[in-house]
C-alpha atoms as a PDB file:
ATOM      1  CA  MET A   1       0.000   0.000   0.000  1.00  0.00           C
ATOM      2  CA  PRO A   2       1.363   3.464  -0.860  1.00  0.00           C
ATOM      3  CA  GLU A   3       2.588   5.628   1.992  1.00  0.00           C
ATOM      4  CA  PHE A   4      -0.207   8.129   2.577  1.00  0.00           C
ATOM      5  CA  GLU A   5      -1.115  10.187   5.541  1.00  0.00           C
ATOM      6  CA  GLU A   6      -4.379   9.188   7.149  1.00  0.00           C
ATOM      7  CA  SER A   7      -7.254  10.382   4.975  1.00  0.00           C
ATOM      8  CA  ARG A   8      -8.446  13.767   6.210  1.00  0.00           C
ATOM      9  CA  PRO A   9     -11.030  16.307   5.092  1.00  0.00           C
ATOM     10  CA  PHE A  10      -9.496  18.864   2.763  1.00  0.00           C
ATOM     11  CA  THR A  11     -10.997  22.321   3.060  1.00  0.00           C
ATOM     12  CA  GLU A  12     -11.303  24.104  -0.260  1.00  0.00           C
ATOM     13  CA  THR A  13     -12.870  27.494   0.313  1.00  0.00           C
ATOM     14  CA  ASN A  14     -14.568  27.570  -3.063  1.00  0.00           C
ATOM     15  CA  ALA A  15     -15.516  23.891  -3.240  1.00  0.00           C
ATOM     16  CA  LEU A  16     -19.007  23.640  -4.652  1.00  0.00           C
ATOM     17  CA  LYS A  17     -21.396  20.839  -3.924  1.00  0.00           C
ATOM     18  CA  PRO A  18     -22.259  18.822  -7.021  1.00  0.00           C
ATOM     19  CA  PHE A  19     -25.829  17.858  -7.712  1.00  0.00           C
ATOM     20  CA  ILE A  20     -27.138  14.609  -9.132  1.00  0.00           C
ATOM     21  CA  SER A  21     -29.547  14.388 -12.034  1.00  0.00           C
ATOM     22  CA  THR A  22     -31.176  11.211 -13.298  1.00  0.00           C
ATOM     23  CA  ASP A  23     -33.184  10.005 -16.256  1.00  0.00           C
ATOM     24  CA  LYS A  24     -34.522   6.569 -17.102  1.00  0.00           C
ATOM     25  CA  ASP A  25     -31.125   5.340 -18.304  1.00  0.00           C
ATOM     26  CA  SER A  26     -28.439   7.192 -16.371  1.00  0.00           C
ATOM     27  CA  MET A  27     -27.309   9.213 -13.362  1.00  0.00           C
ATOM     28  CA  SER A  28     -25.098  12.276 -13.812  1.00  0.00           C
ATOM     29  CA  MET A  29     -22.946  14.513 -11.621  1.00  0.00           C
ATOM     30  CA  GLN A  30     -23.004  18.233 -12.412  1.00  0.00           C
ATOM     31  CA  PHE A  31     -21.935  21.539 -10.883  1.00  0.00           C
ATOM     32  CA  ASP A  32     -24.248  23.500 -13.172  1.00  0.00           C
ATOM     33  CA  MET A  33     -26.753  22.782 -15.930  1.00  0.00           C
ATOM     34  CA  SER A  34     -24.295  23.389 -18.769  1.00  0.00           C
ATOM     35  CA  LEU A  35     -21.819  20.551 -18.273  1.00  0.00           C
ATOM     36  CA  ILE A  36     -21.945  16.907 -17.177  1.00  0.00           C
ATOM     37  CA  GLN A  37     -18.939  15.996 -15.026  1.00  0.00           C
ATOM     38  CA  SER A  38     -19.680  12.279 -14.860  1.00  0.00           C
ATOM     39  CA  ARG A  39     -22.375   9.890 -16.036  1.00  0.00           C
ATOM     40  CA  MET A  40     -23.268   6.367 -14.919  1.00  0.00           C
ATOM     41  CA  ARG A  41     -25.449   3.859 -16.712  1.00  0.00           C
ATOM     42  CA  LEU A  42     -28.118   2.560 -14.364  1.00  0.00           C
ATOM     43  CA  ASP A  43     -28.158  -0.873 -16.022  1.00  0.00           C
ATOM     44  CA  ASP A  44     -24.356  -1.226 -15.802  1.00  0.00           C
ATOM     45  CA  PRO A  45     -22.746   1.088 -13.199  1.00  0.00           C
ATOM     46  CA  ILE A  46     -19.222  -0.132 -13.989  1.00  0.00           C
ATOM     47  CA  ALA A  47     -19.350   0.516 -17.736  1.00  0.00           C
ATOM     48  CA  LEU A  48     -17.673   3.655 -19.057  1.00  0.00           C
ATOM     49  CA  ASP A  49     -20.454   5.738 -20.569  1.00  0.00           C
ATOM     50  CA  LEU A  50     -18.720   8.923 -21.732  1.00  0.00           C
ATOM     51  CA  GLN A  51     -16.404   8.544 -24.716  1.00  0.00           C
ATOM     52  CA  TYR A  52     -13.492  10.412 -23.137  1.00  0.00           C
ATOM     53  CA  THR A  53     -13.401   7.954 -20.227  1.00  0.00           C
ATOM     54  CA  ARG A  54     -13.210   5.054 -22.673  1.00  0.00           C
ATOM     55  CA  ALA A  55     -10.357   6.763 -24.509  1.00  0.00           C
ATOM     56  CA  MET A  56      -8.467   7.126 -21.226  1.00  0.00           C
ATOM     57  CA  MET A  57      -8.221   3.330 -21.184  1.00  0.00           C
ATOM     58  CA  ALA A  58      -5.729   3.557 -24.072  1.00  0.00           C
ATOM     59  CA  PHE A  59      -3.019   2.598 -21.582  1.00  0.00           C
ATOM     60  CA  LEU A  60      -4.341  -0.983 -21.670  1.00  0.00           C
ATOM     61  CA  LEU A  61      -2.554  -1.515 -24.976  1.00  0.00           C
ATOM     62  CA  LEU A  62       0.706  -0.211 -23.521  1.00  0.00           C
ATOM     63  CA  ASN A  63       0.447  -2.005 -20.179  1.00  0.00           C
ATOM     64  CA  PRO A  64      -2.645  -4.173 -19.587  1.00  0.00           C
ATOM     65  CA  GLU A  65      -1.714  -4.982 -15.987  1.00  0.00           C
ATOM     66  CA  PRO A  66      -0.381  -1.949 -14.074  1.00  0.00           C
ATOM     67  CA  ALA A  67       0.451  -2.869 -10.485  1.00  0.00           C
ATOM     68  CA  LYS A  68       0.184   0.571  -8.830  1.00  0.00           C
ATOM     69  CA  VAL A  69      -2.252   3.190 -10.063  1.00  0.00           C
ATOM     70  CA  LEU A  70      -2.815   6.797  -8.998  1.00  0.00           C
ATOM     71  CA  MET A  71      -5.902   8.711 -10.117  1.00  0.00           C
ATOM     72  CA  ILE A  72      -6.213  12.470  -9.688  1.00  0.00           C
ATOM     73  CA  GLY A  73      -9.904  13.356  -9.609  1.00  0.00           C
ATOM     74  CA  LEU A  74     -12.750  11.084  -8.519  1.00  0.00           C
ATOM     75  CA  GLY A  75     -15.822  12.715 -10.032  1.00  0.00           C
ATOM     76  CA  GLY A  76     -18.539  10.096 -10.261  1.00  0.00           C
ATOM     77  CA  GLY A  77     -15.913   7.369 -10.002  1.00  0.00           C
ATOM     78  CA  SER A  78     -16.231   6.046 -13.561  1.00  0.00           C
ATOM     79  CA  LEU A  79     -12.516   5.372 -14.065  1.00  0.00           C
ATOM     80  CA  ALA A  80     -12.054   4.163 -10.498  1.00  0.00           C
ATOM     81  CA  LYS A  81     -14.918   1.657 -10.727  1.00  0.00           C
ATOM     82  CA  TYR A  82     -13.825   0.284 -14.076  1.00  0.00           C
ATOM     83  CA  CYS A  83     -10.206  -0.198 -13.025  1.00  0.00           C
ATOM     84  CA  HIS A  84     -11.217  -1.659  -9.662  1.00  0.00           C
ATOM     85  CA  ALA A  85     -13.465  -4.205 -11.373  1.00  0.00           C
ATOM     86  CA  HIS A  86     -11.304  -5.139 -14.354  1.00  0.00           C
ATOM     87  CA  LEU A  87      -7.754  -4.741 -13.032  1.00  0.00           C
ATOM     88  CA  PRO A  88      -7.877  -7.018  -9.973  1.00  0.00           C
ATOM     89  CA  GLN A  89      -4.081  -7.026  -9.630  1.00  0.00           C
ATOM     90  CA  ALA A  90      -3.888  -3.238  -9.309  1.00  0.00           C
ATOM     91  CA  ASP A  91      -3.459  -1.237  -6.116  1.00  0.00           C
ATOM     92  CA  ILE A  92      -5.487   1.925  -6.759  1.00  0.00           C
ATOM     93  CA  THR A  93      -5.366   5.277  -4.977  1.00  0.00           C
ATOM     94  CA  VAL A  94      -7.791   8.038  -5.957  1.00  0.00           C
ATOM     95  CA  VAL A  95      -7.108  11.618  -4.830  1.00  0.00           C
ATOM     96  CA  GLU A  96     -10.042  14.050  -4.840  1.00  0.00           C
ATOM     97  CA  ILE A  97      -9.770  17.596  -3.502  1.00  0.00           C
ATOM     98  CA  ASN A  98     -13.490  18.315  -3.130  1.00  0.00           C
ATOM     99  CA  PRO A  99     -15.012  16.629  -0.051  1.00  0.00           C
ATOM    100  CA  HIS A 100     -18.519  17.178  -1.423  1.00  0.00           C
ATOM    101  CA  VAL A 101     -17.676  14.976  -4.407  1.00  0.00           C
ATOM    102  CA  ILE A 102     -16.503  12.188  -2.115  1.00  0.00           C
ATOM    103  CA  GLU A 103     -19.729  12.481  -0.119  1.00  0.00           C
ATOM    104  CA  VAL A 104     -21.756  11.189  -3.086  1.00  0.00           C
ATOM    105  CA  ARG A 105     -19.473   8.233  -3.894  1.00  0.00           C
ATOM    106  CA  ASP A 106     -22.049   5.726  -2.641  1.00  0.00           C
ATOM    107  CA  ALA A 107     -24.713   7.094  -4.975  1.00  0.00           C
ATOM    108  CA  PHE A 108     -22.381   6.358  -7.899  1.00  0.00           C
ATOM    109  CA  LYS A 109     -21.534   2.853  -6.633  1.00  0.00           C
ATOM    110  CA  VAL A 110     -17.875   3.649  -5.948  1.00  0.00           C
ATOM    111  CA  PRO A 111     -16.485   0.643  -4.044  1.00  0.00           C
ATOM    112  CA  PRO A 112     -15.583   1.036  -0.369  1.00  0.00           C
ATOM    113  CA  ASP A 113     -11.973   1.492   0.685  1.00  0.00           C
ATOM    114  CA  SER A 114     -10.042  -1.752   1.018  1.00  0.00           C
ATOM    115  CA  ASP A 115      -6.492  -3.058   1.079  1.00  0.00           C
ATOM    116  CA  ARG A 116      -6.163  -2.387  -2.665  1.00  0.00           C
ATOM    117  CA  PHE A 117      -8.486   0.585  -3.200  1.00  0.00           C
ATOM    118  CA  ARG A 118      -8.764   3.909  -1.394  1.00  0.00           C
ATOM    119  CA  VAL A 119     -10.109   7.427  -1.919  1.00  0.00           C
ATOM    120  CA  VAL A 120      -8.037  10.196  -0.323  1.00  0.00           C
ATOM    121  CA  CYS A 121      -9.360  13.728   0.197  1.00  0.00           C
ATOM    122  CA  ASP A 122      -6.373  15.912  -0.657  1.00  0.00           C
ATOM    123  CA  ASP A 123      -4.746  18.132  -3.260  1.00  0.00           C
ATOM    124  CA  GLY A 124      -3.519  15.910  -6.089  1.00  0.00           C
ATOM    125  CA  ALA A 125      -0.667  18.227  -7.033  1.00  0.00           C
ATOM    126  CA  ALA A 126       0.583  18.336  -3.441  1.00  0.00           C
ATOM    127  CA  VAL A 127       0.351  14.557  -3.139  1.00  0.00           C
ATOM    128  CA  LEU A 128       2.387  14.040  -6.303  1.00  0.00           C
ATOM    129  CA  ALA A 129       5.005  16.586  -5.273  1.00  0.00           C
ATOM    130  CA  LYS A 130       5.866  14.487  -2.207  1.00  0.00           C
ATOM    131  CA  THR A 131       5.517  11.070  -3.866  1.00  0.00           C
ATOM    132  CA  LYS A 132       8.666   8.964  -3.990  1.00  0.00           C
ATOM    133  CA  GLN A 133      10.365   8.528  -7.341  1.00  0.00           C
ATOM    134  CA  GLY A 134       9.231   5.500  -9.347  1.00  0.00           C
ATOM    135  CA  THR A 135       6.129   4.740  -7.273  1.00  0.00           C
ATOM    136  CA  TYR A 136       3.395   4.289  -9.893  1.00  0.00           C
ATOM    137  CA  ASP A 137       3.010   2.281 -13.086  1.00  0.00           C
ATOM    138  CA  LEU A 138       0.084   4.444 -14.165  1.00  0.00           C
ATOM    139  CA  ILE A 139      -1.104   7.960 -13.323  1.00  0.00           C
ATOM    140  CA  MET A 140      -4.505   9.106 -14.611  1.00  0.00           C
ATOM    141  CA  VAL A 141      -5.372  12.800 -14.358  1.00  0.00           C
ATOM    142  CA  ASP A 142      -9.014  13.817 -14.770  1.00  0.00           C
ATOM    143  CA  GLY A 143      -9.119  16.847 -12.516  1.00  0.00           C
ATOM    144  CA  PHE A 144     -11.732  19.505 -13.246  1.00  0.00           C
ATOM    145  CA  ASN A 145     -13.724  21.831 -11.038  1.00  0.00           C
ATOM    146  CA  TYR A 146     -16.680  24.048 -11.878  1.00  0.00           C
ATOM    147  CA  GLU A 147     -14.309  26.574 -13.481  1.00  0.00           C
ATOM    148  CA  GLY A 148     -12.442  24.063 -15.618  1.00  0.00           C
ATOM    149  CA  GLN A 149      -8.892  22.750 -15.212  1.00  0.00           C
ATOM    150  CA  PRO A 150      -7.144  23.946 -12.031  1.00  0.00           C
ATOM    151  CA  GLU A 151      -3.793  25.570 -12.759  1.00  0.00           C
ATOM    152  CA  THR A 152      -2.095  23.303 -10.215  1.00  0.00           C
ATOM    153  CA  LEU A 153      -2.989  20.261 -12.364  1.00  0.00           C
ATOM    154  CA  ILE A 154      -1.795  21.661 -15.698  1.00  0.00           C
ATOM    155  CA  SER A 155       1.482  23.364 -14.760  1.00  0.00           C
ATOM    156  CA  LEU A 156       4.879  22.246 -16.017  1.00  0.00           C
ATOM    157  CA  ASP A 157       5.899  21.506 -12.426  1.00  0.00           C
ATOM    158  CA  PHE A 158       2.887  19.211 -12.069  1.00  0.00           C
ATOM    159  CA  TYR A 159       3.792  17.200 -15.164  1.00  0.00           C
ATOM    160  CA  LYS A 160       7.374  16.964 -13.923  1.00  0.00           C
ATOM    161  CA  SER A 161       6.039  15.584 -10.634  1.00  0.00           C
ATOM    162  CA  CYS A 162       4.050  13.022 -12.617  1.00  0.00           C
ATOM    163  CA  ARG A 163       7.146  11.923 -14.529  1.00  0.00           C
ATOM    164  CA  LYS A 164       9.171  11.607 -11.341  1.00  0.00           C
ATOM    165  CA  ALA A 165       6.469   9.546  -9.614  1.00  0.00           C
ATOM    166  CA  LEU A 166       6.255   7.053 -12.491  1.00  0.00           C
ATOM    167  CA  THR A 167       8.325   3.902 -12.829  1.00  0.00           C
ATOM    168  CA  GLU A 168      10.811   3.656 -15.714  1.00  0.00           C
ATOM    169  CA  SER A 169       8.088   2.248 -17.975  1.00  0.00           C
ATOM    170  CA  GLY A 170       5.246   4.163 -16.336  1.00  0.00           C
ATOM    171  CA  ILE A 171       2.370   5.777 -18.243  1.00  0.00           C
ATOM    172  CA  LEU A 172       0.637   9.122 -17.795  1.00  0.00           C
ATOM    173  CA  VAL A 173      -2.916   9.599 -19.095  1.00  0.00           C
ATOM    174  CA  VAL A 174      -4.411  13.104 -18.969  1.00  0.00           C
ATOM    175  CA  ASN A 175      -7.851  14.416 -19.863  1.00  0.00           C
ATOM    176  CA  LEU A 176      -7.632  17.950 -21.259  1.00  0.00           C
ATOM    177  CA  SER A 177     -10.253  20.380 -22.459  1.00  0.00           C
ATOM    178  CA  ASP A 178      -9.817  20.767 -26.221  1.00  0.00           C
ATOM    179  CA  VAL A 179     -10.292  24.548 -26.145  1.00  0.00           C
ATOM    180  CA  GLU A 180      -7.543  26.190 -28.185  1.00  0.00           C
ATOM    181  CA  PRO A 181      -4.949  27.583 -27.997  1.00  0.00           C
ATOM    182  CA  GLU A 182      -4.744  26.412 -24.373  1.00  0.00           C
ATOM    183  CA  CYS A 183      -4.944  22.706 -25.233  1.00  0.00           C
ATOM    184  CA  THR A 184      -1.992  22.809 -27.617  1.00  0.00           C
ATOM    185  CA  ARG A 185       0.005  24.704 -25.006  1.00  0.00           C
ATOM    186  CA  LEU A 186      -0.699  22.016 -22.400  1.00  0.00           C
ATOM    187  CA  VAL A 187       0.151  19.172 -24.765  1.00  0.00           C
ATOM    188  CA  GLY A 188       3.410  21.028 -25.341  1.00  0.00           C
ATOM    189  CA  ARG A 189       4.119  21.017 -21.613  1.00  0.00           C
ATOM    190  CA  ILE A 190       3.643  17.252 -21.498  1.00  0.00           C
ATOM    191  CA  TRP A 191       5.870  16.844 -24.551  1.00  0.00           C
ATOM    192  CA  GLN A 192       8.469  19.066 -22.879  1.00  0.00           C
ATOM    193  CA  THR A 193       8.423  16.709 -19.889  1.00  0.00           C
ATOM    194  CA  PHE A 194       8.294  13.317 -21.634  1.00  0.00           C
ATOM    195  CA  GLY A 195       9.852  14.003 -25.030  1.00  0.00           C
ATOM    196  CA  GLU A 196       8.571  12.401 -28.237  1.00  0.00           C
ATOM    197  CA  PRO A 197       6.536   9.462 -26.845  1.00  0.00           C
ATOM    198  CA  VAL A 198       3.327  11.473 -26.437  1.00  0.00           C
ATOM    199  CA  MET A 199       0.062  10.780 -28.244  1.00  0.00           C
ATOM    200  CA  ALA A 200      -2.989  13.050 -28.305  1.00  0.00           C
ATOM    201  CA  LEU A 201      -6.382  11.475 -28.996  1.00  0.00           C
ATOM    202  CA  ASP A 202      -9.191  13.764 -30.106  1.00  0.00           C
ATOM    203  CA  ILE A 203     -12.686  12.892 -28.884  1.00  0.00           C
ATOM    204  CA  GLU A 204     -15.448  13.432 -31.431  1.00  0.00           C
ATOM    205  CA  CYS A 205     -17.960  14.695 -28.898  1.00  0.00           C
ATOM    206  CA  GLY A 206     -17.549  16.169 -25.440  1.00  0.00           C
ATOM    207  CA  GLY A 207     -14.778  18.724 -25.930  1.00  0.00           C
ATOM    208  CA  ASN A 208     -11.900  16.570 -24.674  1.00  0.00           C
ATOM    209  CA  ARG A 209      -8.425  15.562 -25.780  1.00  0.00           C
ATOM    210  CA  ILE A 210      -6.764  12.579 -24.145  1.00  0.00           C
ATOM    211  CA  VAL A 211      -2.979  12.656 -23.879  1.00  0.00           C
ATOM    212  CA  VAL A 212      -0.941   9.504 -23.248  1.00  0.00           C
ATOM    213  CA  ALA A 213       2.762   9.785 -22.437  1.00  0.00           C
ATOM    214  CA  SER A 214       5.421   7.234 -21.541  1.00  0.00           C
ATOM    215  CA  THR A 215       8.874   6.211 -22.775  1.00  0.00           C
ATOM    216  CA  GLU A 216      10.246   5.431 -26.219  1.00  0.00           C
ATOM    217  CA  ASP A 217      10.648   1.759 -25.334  1.00  0.00           C
ATOM    218  CA  VAL A 218       7.013   1.460 -24.222  1.00  0.00           C
ATOM    219  CA  PHE A 219       5.728   3.073 -27.423  1.00  0.00           C
ATOM    220  CA  ARG A 220       8.011   0.947 -29.615  1.00  0.00           C
ATOM    221  CA  GLU A 221       6.985  -2.301 -27.958  1.00  0.00           C
ATOM    222  CA  CYS A 222       3.304  -1.503 -28.367  1.00  0.00           C
ATOM    223  CA  ALA A 223       3.692  -0.307 -31.957  1.00  0.00           C
ATOM    224  CA  GLY A 224       5.640  -3.398 -32.944  1.00  0.00           C
ATOM    225  CA  GLY A 225       3.083  -5.794 -31.499  1.00  0.00           C
ATOM    226  CA  PHE A 226      -0.148  -3.817 -31.723  1.00  0.00           C
ATOM    227  CA  GLY A 227      -2.147  -6.527 -33.497  1.00  0.00           C
ATOM    228  CA  ARG A 228      -1.004  -9.189 -31.078  1.00  0.00           C
ATOM    229  CA  ARG A 229      -1.794  -7.024 -28.062  1.00  0.00           C
ATOM    230  CA  TRP A 230      -5.242  -6.224 -29.386  1.00  0.00           C
ATOM    231  CA  ALA A 231      -5.937  -9.914 -30.053  1.00  0.00           C
ATOM    232  CA  VAL A 232      -5.254 -10.969 -26.459  1.00  0.00           C
ATOM    233  CA  LEU A 233      -7.062  -8.030 -24.849  1.00  0.00           C
ATOM    234  CA  PRO A 234     -10.100  -9.174 -22.816  1.00  0.00           C
ATOM    235  CA  GLU A 235     -13.406  -8.613 -24.599  1.00  0.00           C
ATOM    236  CA  VAL A 236     -14.551  -6.052 -22.043  1.00  0.00           C
ATOM    237  CA  HIS A 237     -11.533  -3.885 -22.886  1.00  0.00           C
ATOM    238  CA  LYS A 238     -12.026  -4.359 -26.634  1.00  0.00           C
ATOM    239  CA  GLU A 239     -15.579  -3.090 -26.272  1.00  0.00           C
ATOM    240  CA  THR A 240     -14.339  -0.121 -24.243  1.00  0.00           C
ATOM    241  CA  LEU A 241     -11.668   0.790 -26.814  1.00  0.00           C
ATOM    242  CA  ARG A 242     -13.502  -0.062 -30.038  1.00  0.00           C
ATOM    243  CA  PHE A 243     -13.941   3.605 -31.019  1.00  0.00           C
ATOM    244  CA  THR A 244     -10.398   4.550 -29.991  1.00  0.00           C
ATOM    245  CA  ALA A 245      -8.202   1.655 -31.127  1.00  0.00           C
ATOM    246  CA  ALA A 246      -7.743   2.932 -34.680  1.00  0.00           C
ATOM    247  CA  SER A 247      -6.623   6.344 -33.409  1.00  0.00           C
ATOM    248  CA  ILE A 248      -4.163   4.730 -30.999  1.00  0.00           C
ATOM    249  CA  GLU A 249      -2.697   2.580 -33.769  1.00  0.00           C
ATOM    250  CA  TYR A 250      -2.396   5.632 -36.026  1.00  0.00           C
ATOM    251  CA  GLU A 251      -0.585   7.624 -33.321  1.00  0.00           C
ATOM    252  CA  LEU A 252       1.845   4.734 -32.857  1.00  0.00           C
ATOM    253  CA  GLU A 253       2.704   4.394 -36.566  1.00  0.00           C
ATOM    254  CA  PRO A 254       5.938   6.423 -36.313  1.00  0.00           C
ATOM    255  CA  TRP A 255       7.122   4.024 -33.633  1.00  0.00           C
ATOM    256  CA  GLN A 256       6.511   0.961 -35.809  1.00  0.00           C
ATOM    257  CA  GLY A 257       9.310   2.068 -38.092  1.00  0.00           C
ATOM    258  CA  ALA A 258      11.524   2.752 -35.097  1.00  0.00           C
ATOM    259  CA  LYS A 259      10.879  -0.755 -33.805  1.00  0.00           C
ATOM    260  CA  LYS A 260      11.703  -2.370 -37.136  1.00  0.00           C
ATOM    261  CA  ALA A 261      14.846  -0.271 -37.544  1.00  0.00           C
ATOM    262  CA  ALA A 262      16.055  -1.332 -34.116  1.00  0.00           C
ATOM    263  CA  LYS A 263      15.783  -4.994 -35.144  1.00  0.00           C
ATOM    264  CA  VAL A 264      17.779  -4.668 -38.365  1.00  0.00           C
ATOM    265  CA  ALA A 265      21.277  -5.989 -37.724  1.00  0.00           C
ATOM    266  CA  LYS A 266      24.269  -4.558 -39.520  1.00  0.00           C
ATOM    267  CA  PRO A 267      25.460  -6.905 -42.303  1.00  0.00           C
ATOM    268  CA  LYS A 268      28.595  -8.840 -41.503  1.00  0.00           C
ATOM    269  CA  LYS A 269      31.642  -8.304 -43.658  1.00  0.00           C
ATOM    270  CA  ARG A 270      32.447 -11.307 -45.792  1.00  0.00           C
ATOM    271  CA  GLY A 271      35.992 -12.436 -46.135  1.00  0.00           C
ATOM    272  CA  ARG A 272      37.459 -13.091 -49.543  1.00  0.00           C
END
């Protein structure tokens, strides 16, 4: 279990209480009437309903079995529930700054804390800043408040903290608002931190861009064996990624050539 201080209420002076809206098919979390923060299917609470959440599962093709996972932002718990249910080997910590969001976790069927799953009320940026180097195999950042993306979760220092907290082959997945020119600027910050192995996946509806960053070796391995990795992926993950897989494969195309080039041995000189 990661070394965390005992979970404590975090006081955010401007923390708004979310409200819950329901229809015959789903339950949603909102801070106002203009934007849905999270949505849960009533017939399948674990399924990922919003397209951007499904795209955030792109990491499954890079590493289908991360051992230690950190999530920044709970919301309605969509990502947390899915990973808890379908990644039984993973130790998952979710950090949420707004105590009012955590208060409605039961309504959204978020599992109770256990030896491998916990929700911590704290500032995600502060938690990452004090996290030991090489702690997590996967960090997922989906941190929004009623005003949008908090500056503390999109700064260059924050992304550097993410990189430091990841293992050598660790993966960062970030949900960004696709509003320009801010989105391109933020993708640039991630690229500045991780270098070339960064892919940006545009979401057709919802106003999101999902960024996945790791190491050159991780991207090369996935690019070189993409078809094989897709073939052995559990059906539940294939269904989750069916609208995103083609985009992931396209983003990895430059790394296919790199993988093949790395395997080409220099010809031996023949004696006469």
